[in-house]
Amino acid sequence: MKDPDQVREQLATLETEHRDLDVAIDLLMQVGRVDDLQLRRFKKRKLQIKDQIIHLKMQLVPDIPA
């Protein structure tokens, strides 16, 4: 398991990238001519980042004994 500070740093980086992709997707959709392939790539990357964020958040939560 990684150091919690490293996990938080990586988490912050991914959350920033996730927000940036959200803005980029919104801008692409507002423009009249949308590149469908680029839009799909952005959305796929955004989902991958979201999965990574969830995984990192789970690493920060201590295990609870049964």
PDB file of N, CA and C in Angstrom:
ATOM      1  N   MET A   1       0.841  -1.187   0.000  1.00  0.00           N
ATOM      2  CA  MET A   1       0.000   0.000   0.000  1.00  0.00           C
ATOM      3  C   MET A   1       0.883   1.245   0.000  1.00  0.00           C
ATOM      4  N   LYS A   2       0.459   2.224  -0.740  1.00  0.00           N
ATOM      5  CA  LYS A   2       1.214   3.468  -0.857  1.00  0.00           C
ATOM      6  C   LYS A   2       1.055   4.320   0.399  1.00  0.00           C
ATOM      7  N   ASP A   3       1.968   5.249   0.552  1.00  0.00           N
ATOM      8  CA  ASP A   3       1.894   6.235   1.617  1.00  0.00           C
ATOM      9  C   ASP A   3       0.625   7.074   1.426  1.00  0.00           C
ATOM     10  N   PRO A   4      -0.142   7.324   2.498  1.00  0.00           N
ATOM     11  CA  PRO A   4      -1.385   8.094   2.352  1.00  0.00           C
ATOM     12  C   PRO A   4      -1.191   9.475   1.715  1.00  0.00           C
ATOM     13  N   ASP A   5      -0.057  10.116   1.984  1.00  0.00           N
ATOM     14  CA  ASP A   5       0.189  11.426   1.370  1.00  0.00           C
ATOM     15  C   ASP A   5       0.348  11.310  -0.140  1.00  0.00           C
ATOM     16  N   GLN A   6       1.007  10.238  -0.593  1.00  0.00           N
ATOM     17  CA  GLN A   6       1.160  10.018  -2.030  1.00  0.00           C
ATOM     18  C   GLN A   6      -0.195   9.743  -2.677  1.00  0.00           C
ATOM     19  N   VAL A   7      -1.016   8.975  -1.974  1.00  0.00           N
ATOM     20  CA  VAL A   7      -2.350   8.655  -2.497  1.00  0.00           C
ATOM     21  C   VAL A   7      -3.182   9.928  -2.620  1.00  0.00           C
ATOM     22  N   ARG A   8      -3.128  10.783  -1.595  1.00  0.00           N
ATOM     23  CA  ARG A   8      -3.885  12.043  -1.644  1.00  0.00           C
ATOM     24  C   ARG A   8      -3.410  12.946  -2.773  1.00  0.00           C
ATOM     25  N   GLU A   9      -2.096  12.970  -2.992  1.00  0.00           N
ATOM     26  CA  GLU A   9      -1.534  13.786  -4.071  1.00  0.00           C
ATOM     27  C   GLU A   9      -2.003  13.274  -5.435  1.00  0.00           C
ATOM     28  N   GLN A  10      -1.938  11.958  -5.611  1.00  0.00           N
ATOM     29  CA  GLN A  10      -2.380  11.358  -6.875  1.00  0.00           C
ATOM     30  C   GLN A  10      -3.885  11.573  -7.053  1.00  0.00           C
ATOM     31  N   LEU A  11      -4.622  11.486  -5.957  1.00  0.00           N
ATOM     32  CA  LEU A  11      -6.060  11.702  -5.990  1.00  0.00           C
ATOM     33  C   LEU A  11      -6.388  13.126  -6.437  1.00  0.00           C
ATOM     34  N   ALA A  12      -5.677  14.089  -5.913  1.00  0.00           N
ATOM     35  CA  ALA A  12      -5.899  15.489  -6.296  1.00  0.00           C
ATOM     36  C   ALA A  12      -5.600  15.702  -7.780  1.00  0.00           C
ATOM     37  N   THR A  13      -4.531  15.087  -8.260  1.00  0.00           N
ATOM     38  CA  THR A  13      -4.167  15.198  -9.672  1.00  0.00           C
ATOM     39  C   THR A  13      -5.253  14.615 -10.567  1.00  0.00           C
ATOM     40  N   LEU A  14      -5.748  13.447 -10.198  1.00  0.00           N
ATOM     41  CA  LEU A  14      -6.791  12.797 -11.000  1.00  0.00           C
ATOM     42  C   LEU A  14      -8.104  13.584 -10.958  1.00  0.00           C
ATOM     43  N   GLU A  15      -8.434  14.130  -9.801  1.00  0.00           N
ATOM     44  CA  GLU A  15      -9.662  14.916  -9.706  1.00  0.00           C
ATOM     45  C   GLU A  15      -9.581  16.170 -10.569  1.00  0.00           C
ATOM     46  N   THR A  16      -8.412  16.773 -10.632  1.00  0.00           N
ATOM     47  CA  THR A  16      -8.222  17.939 -11.500  1.00  0.00           C
ATOM     48  C   THR A  16      -8.371  17.552 -12.965  1.00  0.00           C
ATOM     49  N   GLU A  17      -7.758  16.443 -13.343  1.00  0.00           N
ATOM     50  CA  GLU A  17      -7.864  15.978 -14.733  1.00  0.00           C
ATOM     51  C   GLU A  17      -9.317  15.636 -15.069  1.00  0.00           C
ATOM     52  N   HIS A  18     -10.038  15.043 -14.115  1.00  0.00           N
ATOM     53  CA  HIS A  18     -11.445  14.692 -14.319  1.00  0.00           C
ATOM     54  C   HIS A  18     -12.285  15.949 -14.573  1.00  0.00           C
ATOM     55  N   ARG A  19     -12.043  17.000 -13.774  1.00  0.00           N
ATOM     56  CA  ARG A  19     -12.766  18.265 -13.962  1.00  0.00           C
ATOM     57  C   ARG A  19     -12.414  18.903 -15.310  1.00  0.00           C
ATOM     58  N   ASP A  20     -11.130  18.849 -15.675  1.00  0.00           N
ATOM     59  CA  ASP A  20     -10.699  19.418 -16.952  1.00  0.00           C
ATOM     60  C   ASP A  20     -11.370  18.709 -18.128  1.00  0.00           C
ATOM     61  N   LEU A  21     -11.455  17.388 -18.037  1.00  0.00           N
ATOM     62  CA  LEU A  21     -12.118  16.631 -19.099  1.00  0.00           C
ATOM     63  C   LEU A  21     -13.606  16.977 -19.163  1.00  0.00           C
ATOM     64  N   ASP A  22     -14.213  17.188 -18.009  1.00  0.00           N
ATOM     65  CA  ASP A  22     -15.621  17.568 -17.973  1.00  0.00           C
ATOM     66  C   ASP A  22     -15.838  18.887 -18.708  1.00  0.00           C
ATOM     67  N   VAL A  23     -14.960  19.843 -18.473  1.00  0.00           N
ATOM     68  CA  VAL A  23     -15.040  21.140 -19.155  1.00  0.00           C
ATOM     69  C   VAL A  23     -14.818  20.961 -20.657  1.00  0.00           C
ATOM     70  N   ALA A  24     -13.825  20.150 -21.026  1.00  0.00           N
ATOM     71  CA  ALA A  24     -13.525  19.927 -22.442  1.00  0.00           C
ATOM     72  C   ALA A  24     -14.706  19.270 -23.153  1.00  0.00           C
ATOM     73  N   ILE A  25     -15.338  18.311 -22.490  1.00  0.00           N
ATOM     74  CA  ILE A  25     -16.501  17.636 -23.073  1.00  0.00           C
ATOM     75  C   ILE A  25     -17.644  18.630 -23.266  1.00  0.00           C
ATOM     76  N   ASP A  26     -17.887  19.461 -22.264  1.00  0.00           N
ATOM     77  CA  ASP A  26     -18.942  20.472 -22.380  1.00  0.00           C
ATOM     78  C   ASP A  26     -18.669  21.431 -23.539  1.00  0.00           C
ATOM     79  N   LEU A  27     -17.417  21.857 -23.665  1.00  0.00           N
ATOM     80  CA  LEU A  27     -17.060  22.773 -24.757  1.00  0.00           C
ATOM     81  C   LEU A  27     -17.244  22.117 -26.117  1.00  0.00           C
ATOM     82  N   LEU A  28     -16.839  20.861 -26.235  1.00  0.00           N
ATOM     83  CA  LEU A  28     -17.009  20.150 -27.505  1.00  0.00           C
ATOM     84  C   LEU A  28     -18.489  20.040 -27.878  1.00  0.00           C
ATOM     85  N   MET A  29     -19.316  19.807 -26.879  1.00  0.00           N
ATOM     86  CA  MET A  29     -20.743  19.642 -27.158  1.00  0.00           C
ATOM     87  C   MET A  29     -21.407  20.976 -27.498  1.00  0.00           C
ATOM     88  N   GLN A  30     -20.860  22.079 -26.995  1.00  0.00           N
ATOM     89  CA  GLN A  30     -21.423  23.396 -27.293  1.00  0.00           C
ATOM     90  C   GLN A  30     -21.073  23.857 -28.700  1.00  0.00           C
ATOM     91  N   VAL A  31     -19.940  23.386 -29.195  1.00  0.00           N
ATOM     92  CA  VAL A  31     -19.513  23.755 -30.546  1.00  0.00           C
ATOM     93  C   VAL A  31     -20.399  23.010 -31.544  1.00  0.00           C
ATOM     94  N   GLY A  32     -20.763  23.673 -32.596  1.00  0.00           N
ATOM     95  CA  GLY A  32     -21.651  23.071 -33.582  1.00  0.00           C
ATOM     96  C   GLY A  32     -21.119  21.799 -34.208  1.00  0.00           C
ATOM     97  N   ARG A  33     -19.830  21.781 -34.510  1.00  0.00           N
ATOM     98  CA  ARG A  33     -19.221  20.609 -35.149  1.00  0.00           C
ATOM     99  C   ARG A  33     -18.510  19.787 -34.079  1.00  0.00           C
ATOM    100  N   VAL A  34     -19.069  18.629 -33.785  1.00  0.00           N
ATOM    101  CA  VAL A  34     -18.505  17.774 -32.742  1.00  0.00           C
ATOM    102  C   VAL A  34     -17.783  16.605 -33.391  1.00  0.00           C
ATOM    103  N   ASP A  35     -16.558  16.384 -32.955  1.00  0.00           N
ATOM    104  CA  ASP A  35     -15.798  15.216 -33.396  1.00  0.00           C
ATOM    105  C   ASP A  35     -16.209  14.054 -32.488  1.00  0.00           C
ATOM    106  N   ASP A  36     -17.051  13.161 -33.016  1.00  0.00           N
ATOM    107  CA  ASP A  36     -17.597  12.067 -32.209  1.00  0.00           C
ATOM    108  C   ASP A  36     -16.512  11.167 -31.632  1.00  0.00           C
ATOM    109  N   LEU A  37     -15.477  10.907 -32.404  1.00  0.00           N
ATOM    110  CA  LEU A  37     -14.403  10.042 -31.926  1.00  0.00           C
ATOM    111  C   LEU A  37     -13.679  10.690 -30.745  1.00  0.00           C
ATOM    112  N   GLN A  38     -13.371  11.961 -30.866  1.00  0.00           N
ATOM    113  CA  GLN A  38     -12.692  12.674 -29.779  1.00  0.00           C
ATOM    114  C   GLN A  38     -13.578  12.729 -28.536  1.00  0.00           C
ATOM    115  N   LEU A  39     -14.859  12.963 -28.738  1.00  0.00           N
ATOM    116  CA  LEU A  39     -15.803  13.023 -27.637  1.00  0.00           C
ATOM    117  C   LEU A  39     -15.872  11.676 -26.910  1.00  0.00           C
ATOM    118  N   ARG A  40     -15.929  10.589 -27.669  1.00  0.00           N
ATOM    119  CA  ARG A  40     -15.954   9.253 -27.055  1.00  0.00           C
ATOM    120  C   ARG A  40     -14.673   8.971 -26.290  1.00  0.00           C
ATOM    121  N   ARG A  41     -13.540   9.397 -26.839  1.00  0.00           N
ATOM    122  CA  ARG A  41     -12.255   9.191 -26.146  1.00  0.00           C
ATOM    123  C   ARG A  41     -12.208   9.959 -24.827  1.00  0.00           C
ATOM    124  N   PHE A  42     -12.687  11.199 -24.860  1.00  0.00           N
ATOM    125  CA  PHE A  42     -12.714  12.000 -23.631  1.00  0.00           C
ATOM    126  C   PHE A  42     -13.611  11.354 -22.582  1.00  0.00           C
ATOM    127  N   LYS A  43     -14.784  10.896 -23.013  1.00  0.00           N
ATOM    128  CA  LYS A  43     -15.718  10.282 -22.067  1.00  0.00           C
ATOM    129  C   LYS A  43     -15.153   8.983 -21.494  1.00  0.00           C
ATOM    130  N   LYS A  44     -14.496   8.204 -22.339  1.00  0.00           N
ATOM    131  CA  LYS A  44     -13.892   6.952 -21.877  1.00  0.00           C
ATOM    132  C   LYS A  44     -12.778   7.242 -20.873  1.00  0.00           C
ATOM    133  N   ARG A  45     -11.949   8.221 -21.179  1.00  0.00           N
ATOM    134  CA  ARG A  45     -10.855   8.596 -20.266  1.00  0.00           C
ATOM    135  C   ARG A  45     -11.418   9.105 -18.940  1.00  0.00           C
ATOM    136  N   LYS A  46     -12.506   9.861 -19.020  1.00  0.00           N
ATOM    137  CA  LYS A  46     -13.135  10.399 -17.813  1.00  0.00           C
ATOM    138  C   LYS A  46     -13.634   9.251 -16.926  1.00  0.00           C
ATOM    139  N   LEU A  47     -14.223   8.225 -17.523  1.00  0.00           N
ATOM    140  CA  LEU A  47     -14.679   7.064 -16.757  1.00  0.00           C
ATOM    141  C   LEU A  47     -13.502   6.301 -16.140  1.00  0.00           C
ATOM    142  N   GLN A  48     -12.403   6.171 -16.886  1.00  0.00           N
ATOM    143  CA  GLN A  48     -11.215   5.500 -16.358  1.00  0.00           C
ATOM    144  C   GLN A  48     -10.667   6.253 -15.145  1.00  0.00           C
ATOM    145  N   ILE A  49     -10.643   7.568 -15.262  1.00  0.00           N
ATOM    146  CA  ILE A  49     -10.146   8.393 -14.155  1.00  0.00           C
ATOM    147  C   ILE A  49     -11.065   8.245 -12.948  1.00  0.00           C
ATOM    148  N   LYS A  50     -12.369   8.227 -13.191  1.00  0.00           N
ATOM    149  CA  LYS A  50     -13.319   8.073 -12.080  1.00  0.00           C
ATOM    150  C   LYS A  50     -13.076   6.743 -11.361  1.00  0.00           C
ATOM    151  N   ASP A  51     -12.841   5.681 -12.111  1.00  0.00           N
ATOM    152  CA  ASP A  51     -12.539   4.382 -11.497  1.00  0.00           C
ATOM    153  C   ASP A  51     -11.262   4.449 -10.661  1.00  0.00           C
ATOM    154  N   GLN A  52     -10.241   5.129 -11.169  1.00  0.00           N
ATOM    155  CA  GLN A  52      -8.992   5.279 -10.423  1.00  0.00           C
ATOM    156  C   GLN A  52      -9.218   6.084  -9.146  1.00  0.00           C
ATOM    157  N   ILE A  53     -10.034   7.122  -9.225  1.00  0.00           N
ATOM    158  CA  ILE A  53     -10.340   7.945  -8.057  1.00  0.00           C
ATOM    159  C   ILE A  53     -11.018   7.098  -6.985  1.00  0.00           C
ATOM    160  N   ILE A  54     -11.985   6.295  -7.381  1.00  0.00           N
ATOM    161  CA  ILE A  54     -12.693   5.428  -6.427  1.00  0.00           C
ATOM    162  C   ILE A  54     -11.718   4.454  -5.779  1.00  0.00           C
ATOM    163  N   HIS A  55     -10.841   3.875  -6.593  1.00  0.00           N
ATOM    164  CA  HIS A  55      -9.851   2.926  -6.075  1.00  0.00           C
ATOM    165  C   HIS A  55      -8.927   3.596  -5.053  1.00  0.00           C
ATOM    166  N   LEU A  56      -8.471   4.804  -5.353  1.00  0.00           N
ATOM    167  CA  LEU A  56      -7.580   5.514  -4.438  1.00  0.00           C
ATOM    168  C   LEU A  56      -8.302   5.907  -3.152  1.00  0.00           C
ATOM    169  N   LYS A  57      -9.545   6.320  -3.262  1.00  0.00           N
ATOM    170  CA  LYS A  57     -10.314   6.677  -2.060  1.00  0.00           C
ATOM    171  C   LYS A  57     -10.488   5.463  -1.152  1.00  0.00           C
ATOM    172  N   MET A  58     -10.664   4.287  -1.760  1.00  0.00           N
ATOM    173  CA  MET A  58     -10.797   3.065  -0.976  1.00  0.00           C
ATOM    174  C   MET A  58      -9.498   2.751  -0.235  1.00  0.00           C
ATOM    175  N   GLN A  59      -8.359   3.115  -0.808  1.00  0.00           N
ATOM    176  CA  GLN A  59      -7.078   2.879  -0.156  1.00  0.00           C
ATOM    177  C   GLN A  59      -6.917   3.764   1.087  1.00  0.00           C
ATOM    178  N   LEU A  60      -7.572   4.906   1.087  1.00  0.00           N
ATOM    179  CA  LEU A  60      -7.452   5.827   2.217  1.00  0.00           C
ATOM    180  C   LEU A  60      -8.342   5.431   3.405  1.00  0.00           C
ATOM    181  N   VAL A  61      -9.346   4.606   3.144  1.00  0.00           N
ATOM    182  CA  VAL A  61     -10.245   4.175   4.210  1.00  0.00           C
ATOM    183  C   VAL A  61      -9.646   2.929   4.881  1.00  0.00           C
ATOM    184  N   PRO A  62      -9.460   2.980   6.194  1.00  0.00           N
ATOM    185  CA  PRO A  62      -8.884   1.811   6.876  1.00  0.00           C
ATOM    186  C   PRO A  62      -9.816   0.615   6.837  1.00  0.00           C
ATOM    187  N   ASP A  63      -9.217  -0.561   6.804  1.00  0.00           N
ATOM    188  CA  ASP A  63     -10.009  -1.792   6.814  1.00  0.00           C
ATOM    189  C   ASP A  63     -10.681  -1.952   8.169  1.00  0.00           C
ATOM    190  N   ILE A  64     -11.921  -2.406   8.145  1.00  0.00           N
ATOM    191  CA  ILE A  64     -12.657  -2.636   9.377  1.00  0.00           C
ATOM    192  C   ILE A  64     -12.680  -4.152   9.613  1.00  0.00           C
ATOM    193  N   PRO A  65     -12.169  -4.570  10.775  1.00  0.00           N
ATOM    194  CA  PRO A  65     -12.170  -6.019  11.040  1.00  0.00           C
ATOM    195  C   PRO A  65     -13.605  -6.561  11.163  1.00  0.00           C
ATOM    196  N   ALA A  66     -13.773  -7.772  10.689  1.00  0.00           N
ATOM    197  CA  ALA A  66     -15.110  -8.395  10.711  1.00  0.00           C
ATOM    198  C   ALA A  66     -15.505  -8.817  12.107  1.00  0.00           C
TER     199      ALA A  66
END
